[in-house]
Amino acid sequence: MLRNWRANRIVFFFVCMFLCGGLIIISAAGTIAPVEGVLATPLNFLSGIFNDISQTVNSAITDLSEIQELRQRNAELEEALAQFQAELVGLREINSDYQRLSDLLEYTTSVQNQEFVTADVINFDQSSLLRTIVINRGARDGIARGMPVVTRQGLVGRIVEVSANASRVLLINDPSSYVSARLQTSRAEGSVEGQLTGNLRMIDIPLNADVREGDLVLTSGLGGNFPADIVIGQVTSTRQFEFELNQEAEVRSLINFDTLEFVLVVTSFQPVDISVFENEDAQNP
């Protein structure tokens, strides 16, 4: 049976070859052209369907591959953007620090016969009862109580407590702060005191003094607590009370005390204690 099967396969093969050869010859002669046309129509239809399906599948596979590549590329770009943003923030911070330090350097070079120590602000206490900051300079750096603290924009306050490597600064807008001051234009004198609201007010201004909005308020140097001619702020409004011998002015500091980062301590200035003379005058009227 095995031999018969092999023999039948060989016979079947030659028969198929013979038929295919015959069909090719007949087709070349054009004899079965009408039959080919009839059969070609459904075959072409089926071929078109399979071709469309194949193109759709290929397109879907291509789109899926491109989507995966785009997702990977998008993830890479997002990571690079995050790195660039972090670097940009760092560069902006460096530029900001550089600008502040440049302003302080410009101020120190413009002021003669004074020595300064640059300090970082390391703590804030801006409660309603006390307004102070702590700086990272102390007795080891030559800091002493009473020394003025300034920035390029003006007066910050004065040193009230000193440790070996840190100091506390009483801000000028603290309610317990009083600074002898004068108006730059009229030279009228008074005192600038801090308010519970954190604002500044100039009091004891002579009634006949010309006080205008926008006038700069400077330290007068009277009392020996601060050097003269340091900017305190700018007059924003004035007011007079009936039957009062003086007038007052609201003053706006040019410093934003909530964002202080660097300050200068005037180490060459030593406060003068004149209370002994005031006591002698009180005892010898």
Protein backbone atom coordinates (compact mmCIF):
# COMPACT_ATOMS: atom_id res chain seq x y z
CA MET A 1 0.00 0.00 0.00
CA LEU A 2 2.86 2.33 0.72
CA ARG A 3 4.25 1.79 -2.74
CA ASN A 4 0.80 2.38 -4.29
CA TRP A 5 0.44 5.63 -2.36
CA ARG A 6 3.84 6.88 -3.51
CA ALA A 7 3.01 5.90 -7.06
CA ASN A 8 -0.34 7.67 -6.89
CA ARG A 9 1.34 10.80 -5.55
CA ILE A 10 3.77 10.83 -8.44
CA VAL A 11 0.94 10.30 -10.92
CA PHE A 12 -1.12 13.02 -9.25
CA PHE A 13 1.85 15.39 -9.41
CA PHE A 14 2.40 14.88 -13.12
CA VAL A 15 -1.34 15.22 -13.82
CA CYS A 16 -1.40 18.56 -11.97
CA MET A 17 1.68 19.71 -13.84
CA PHE A 18 0.06 18.72 -17.09
CA LEU A 19 -3.16 20.56 -16.24
CA CYS A 20 -1.29 23.69 -15.17
CA GLY A 21 0.75 23.64 -18.35
CA GLY A 22 -2.40 23.23 -20.37
CA LEU A 23 -4.18 26.04 -18.60
CA ILE A 24 -1.19 28.30 -19.16
CA ILE A 25 -1.13 27.51 -22.88
CA ILE A 26 -4.90 27.97 -23.20
CA SER A 27 -4.75 31.22 -21.24
CA ALA A 28 -1.93 32.51 -23.40
CA ALA A 29 -4.00 31.71 -26.45
CA GLY A 30 -6.92 33.71 -24.98
CA THR A 31 -9.36 30.86 -25.20
CA ILE A 32 -10.57 31.03 -21.61
CA ALA A 33 -10.44 34.80 -21.30
CA PRO A 34 -14.22 35.16 -20.63
CA VAL A 35 -14.00 32.55 -17.88
CA GLU A 36 -10.96 34.30 -16.38
CA GLY A 37 -12.88 37.61 -16.39
CA VAL A 38 -15.82 36.04 -14.59
CA LEU A 39 -13.61 34.37 -12.00
CA ALA A 40 -11.34 37.39 -11.61
CA THR A 41 -14.12 39.67 -10.38
CA PRO A 42 -14.81 37.94 -7.02
CA LEU A 43 -11.13 37.13 -6.65
CA ASN A 44 -10.20 40.78 -7.16
CA PHE A 45 -12.89 41.77 -4.67
CA LEU A 46 -11.55 39.33 -2.09
CA SER A 47 -8.00 40.44 -2.85
CA GLY A 48 -9.00 44.07 -2.30
CA ILE A 49 -10.60 43.22 1.03
CA PHE A 50 -7.52 41.31 2.20
CA ASN A 51 -5.29 44.11 0.91
CA ASP A 52 -7.28 46.73 2.85
CA ILE A 53 -7.17 44.60 5.99
CA SER A 54 -3.44 44.15 5.56
CA GLN A 55 -2.87 47.88 5.09
CA THR A 56 -5.05 48.68 8.12
CA VAL A 57 -3.15 46.22 10.29
CA ASN A 58 0.20 47.53 9.05
CA SER A 59 -0.95 51.10 9.67
CA ALA A 60 -2.13 50.24 13.18
CA ILE A 61 1.15 48.51 13.96
CA THR A 62 3.08 51.49 12.60
CA ASP A 63 0.93 53.97 14.56
CA LEU A 64 1.34 51.92 17.74
CA SER A 65 5.09 51.87 17.29
CA GLU A 66 5.16 55.62 16.66
CA ILE A 67 2.94 56.24 19.71
CA GLN A 68 5.31 54.26 21.89
CA GLU A 69 8.29 56.18 20.48
CA LEU A 70 6.48 59.48 21.04
CA ARG A 71 5.63 58.53 24.62
CA GLN A 72 9.24 57.63 25.30
CA ARG A 73 10.42 60.85 23.65
CA ASN A 74 7.86 62.85 25.62
CA ALA A 75 9.05 61.27 28.87
CA GLU A 76 12.65 62.12 27.97
CA LEU A 77 11.69 65.71 27.14
CA GLU A 78 9.73 66.07 30.40
CA GLU A 79 12.73 64.81 32.37
CA ALA A 80 15.05 67.21 30.52
CA LEU A 81 12.59 70.06 31.11
CA ALA A 82 12.47 69.32 34.83
CA GLN A 83 16.27 69.38 34.96
CA PHE A 84 16.39 72.66 33.02
CA GLN A 85 13.77 74.19 35.30
CA ALA A 86 15.74 73.18 38.39
CA GLU A 87 18.89 74.67 36.85
CA LEU A 88 16.96 77.82 35.91
CA VAL A 89 15.67 78.22 39.47
CA GLY A 90 19.20 77.78 40.78
CA LEU A 91 20.60 80.31 38.31
CA ARG A 92 17.88 82.82 39.16
CA GLU A 93 18.62 82.39 42.86
CA ILE A 94 22.33 82.88 42.21
CA ASN A 95 21.58 85.97 40.13
CA SER A 96 19.29 87.32 42.85
CA ASP A 97 21.95 86.79 45.52
CA TYR A 98 24.56 88.34 43.26
CA GLN A 99 22.35 91.39 42.69
CA ARG A 100 21.75 91.86 46.41
CA LEU A 101 25.42 91.48 47.22
CA SER A 102 26.31 93.86 44.40
CA ASP A 103 23.91 96.43 45.84
CA LEU A 104 25.52 96.05 49.27
CA LEU A 105 28.98 96.35 47.75
CA GLU A 106 27.92 99.44 45.85
CA TYR A 107 26.60 100.95 49.07
CA THR A 108 29.78 100.20 51.02
CA THR A 109 31.95 101.76 48.32
CA SER A 110 29.78 104.88 48.18
CA VAL A 111 29.98 105.50 51.93
CA GLN A 112 33.26 106.84 53.22
CA ASN A 113 34.94 106.39 56.61
CA GLN A 114 32.71 103.47 57.59
CA GLU A 115 33.41 99.77 57.99
CA PHE A 116 30.85 97.04 57.39
CA VAL A 117 30.33 93.35 58.00
CA THR A 118 28.00 91.48 55.65
CA ALA A 119 25.61 89.07 57.36
CA ASP A 120 22.94 86.55 56.36
CA VAL A 121 19.50 86.71 57.94
CA ILE A 122 18.93 83.30 59.54
CA ASN A 123 15.73 83.88 61.51
CA PHE A 124 12.66 86.14 61.60
CA ASP A 125 10.44 87.14 64.49
CA GLN A 126 7.70 89.32 63.03
CA SER A 127 5.04 88.85 65.70
CA SER A 128 2.69 91.66 66.66
CA LEU A 129 4.66 92.34 69.88
CA LEU A 130 8.21 91.97 68.65
CA ARG A 131 9.89 92.52 65.29
CA THR A 132 13.44 91.26 65.15
CA ILE A 133 15.74 89.27 62.92
CA VAL A 134 18.74 87.10 63.74
CA ILE A 135 21.94 87.32 61.69
CA ASN A 136 24.86 84.89 61.47
CA ARG A 137 27.48 87.34 62.78
CA GLY A 138 28.42 87.85 66.41
CA ALA A 139 31.14 88.88 68.82
CA ARG A 140 33.74 86.84 66.95
CA ASP A 141 33.11 89.08 63.93
CA GLY A 142 33.40 92.31 65.89
CA ILE A 143 29.67 92.82 66.36
CA ALA A 144 28.54 94.72 69.47
CA ARG A 145 25.24 95.93 70.91
CA GLY A 146 23.92 99.17 69.47
CA MET A 147 25.59 98.86 66.06
CA PRO A 148 23.36 100.01 63.18
CA VAL A 149 22.18 97.51 60.57
CA VAL A 150 21.51 98.76 57.03
CA THR A 151 20.97 97.76 53.42
CA ARG A 152 21.33 99.74 50.24
CA GLN A 153 17.68 100.84 50.63
CA GLY A 154 18.19 102.29 54.11
CA LEU A 155 18.10 101.64 57.84
CA VAL A 156 17.08 98.16 59.06
CA GLY A 157 17.58 98.49 62.82
CA ARG A 158 20.22 98.04 65.50
CA ILE A 159 21.92 95.18 67.31
CA VAL A 160 20.27 94.43 70.68
CA GLU A 161 21.69 90.99 71.56
CA VAL A 162 25.04 89.41 70.70
CA SER A 163 26.39 85.87 71.05
CA ALA A 164 29.64 84.43 69.80
CA ASN A 165 28.43 83.78 66.25
CA ALA A 166 24.95 85.35 66.00
CA SER A 167 23.15 88.60 66.83
CA ARG A 168 19.58 89.80 67.20
CA VAL A 169 18.52 92.95 65.38
CA LEU A 170 15.63 95.13 66.55
CA LEU A 171 13.89 96.38 63.41
CA ILE A 172 12.92 100.03 63.10
CA ASN A 173 9.27 99.09 62.66
CA ASP A 174 9.16 97.45 66.09
CA PRO A 175 6.82 99.39 68.46
CA SER A 176 9.70 99.91 70.90
CA SER A 177 12.00 101.42 68.27
CA TYR A 178 12.63 105.19 68.17
CA VAL A 179 15.00 106.85 65.71
CA SER A 180 15.94 110.53 65.69
CA ALA A 181 15.15 111.72 62.19
CA ARG A 182 14.93 114.73 59.93
CA LEU A 183 13.24 115.55 56.65
CA GLN A 184 15.69 115.80 53.78
CA THR A 185 14.03 118.81 52.14
CA SER A 186 13.06 121.08 55.01
CA ARG A 187 15.58 119.64 57.54
CA ALA A 188 12.78 119.60 60.11
CA GLU A 189 13.51 117.17 62.89
CA GLY A 190 11.41 114.62 64.75
CA SER A 191 11.41 110.95 65.73
CA VAL A 192 10.41 107.88 63.76
CA GLU A 193 8.70 105.18 65.80
CA GLY A 194 7.46 101.74 64.89
CA GLN A 195 3.78 100.87 65.01
CA LEU A 196 1.91 97.73 66.03
CA THR A 197 0.82 97.43 62.40
CA GLY A 198 4.45 97.29 61.26
CA ASN A 199 4.32 100.77 59.73
CA LEU A 200 6.48 103.78 60.60
CA ARG A 201 5.37 107.16 61.89
CA MET A 202 7.37 110.37 62.28
CA ILE A 203 6.26 112.35 65.32
CA ASP A 204 7.24 115.62 67.02
CA ILE A 205 7.58 117.47 63.72
CA PRO A 206 7.36 121.25 64.29
CA LEU A 207 3.96 122.62 63.41
CA ASN A 208 5.37 125.18 60.98
CA ALA A 209 7.57 122.67 59.15
CA ASP A 210 6.85 122.04 55.47
CA VAL A 211 6.11 118.30 55.20
CA ARG A 212 5.22 116.93 51.78
CA GLU A 213 4.38 113.50 50.44
CA GLY A 214 7.44 111.89 48.89
CA ASP A 215 9.94 113.63 51.19
CA LEU A 216 12.78 111.37 52.26
CA VAL A 217 13.26 110.83 55.98
CA LEU A 218 16.87 110.45 57.16
CA THR A 219 18.56 109.73 60.45
CA SER A 220 19.60 112.98 62.14
CA GLY A 221 22.37 111.57 64.30
CA LEU A 222 20.92 113.26 67.39
CA GLY A 223 21.07 111.13 70.51
CA GLY A 224 24.15 109.30 69.28
CA ASN A 225 22.32 106.05 68.47
CA PHE A 226 22.71 106.11 64.68
CA PRO A 227 24.97 107.82 62.15
CA ALA A 228 23.43 110.76 60.34
CA ASP A 229 21.91 110.73 56.85
CA ILE A 230 20.85 107.07 56.60
CA VAL A 231 17.58 106.73 54.70
CA ILE A 232 14.69 105.66 56.94
CA GLY A 233 11.85 105.93 54.47
CA GLN A 234 9.54 108.19 52.53
CA VAL A 235 6.61 110.33 53.68
CA THR A 236 3.29 108.97 52.43
CA SER A 237 0.86 111.27 54.26
CA THR A 238 0.74 113.97 56.94
CA ARG A 239 -1.75 115.01 59.57
CA GLN A 240 -2.21 117.73 62.17
CA PHE A 241 -4.36 117.63 65.27
CA GLU A 242 -6.21 120.64 66.59
CA PHE A 243 -4.58 122.26 69.62
CA GLU A 244 -1.43 120.21 69.09
CA LEU A 245 1.99 121.86 68.86
CA ASN A 246 3.42 119.24 66.50
CA GLN A 247 2.41 117.35 63.41
CA GLU A 248 2.89 113.73 62.31
CA ALA A 249 3.70 111.95 59.09
CA GLU A 250 3.23 108.38 57.98
CA VAL A 251 6.48 106.96 56.63
CA ARG A 252 6.98 104.03 54.30
CA SER A 253 10.29 102.20 54.54
CA LEU A 254 11.97 101.35 51.25
CA ILE A 255 12.88 97.96 52.69
CA ASN A 256 10.68 94.88 52.59
CA PHE A 257 11.43 93.49 56.05
CA ASP A 258 9.72 90.18 55.23
CA THR A 259 12.22 89.29 52.49
CA LEU A 260 15.52 90.37 54.02
CA GLU A 261 18.34 87.96 53.21
CA PHE A 262 21.53 90.01 53.46
CA VAL A 263 22.30 93.03 55.64
CA LEU A 264 25.27 95.18 56.56
CA VAL A 265 26.37 95.88 60.13
CA VAL A 266 28.15 99.23 60.54
CA THR A 267 31.00 98.08 62.77
CA SER A 268 32.86 101.40 62.67
CA PHE A 269 30.04 103.21 64.52
CA GLN A 270 29.88 103.06 68.28
CA PRO A 271 26.69 104.40 69.89
CA VAL A 272 27.22 107.32 72.27
CA ASP A 273 25.67 107.12 75.72
CA ILE A 274 24.53 110.64 76.60
CA SER A 275 22.18 109.57 79.37
CA VAL A 276 24.77 110.57 81.96
CA PHE A 277 24.59 114.17 80.78
CA GLU A 278 20.78 114.07 80.82
CA ASN A 279 20.90 112.83 84.44
CA GLU A 280 23.29 115.63 85.41
CA ASP A 281 21.00 118.22 83.82
CA ALA A 282 18.04 116.77 85.70
CA GLN A 283 19.93 116.98 88.99
CA ASN A 284 21.17 120.52 88.31
CA PRO A 285 18.22 122.43 86.90
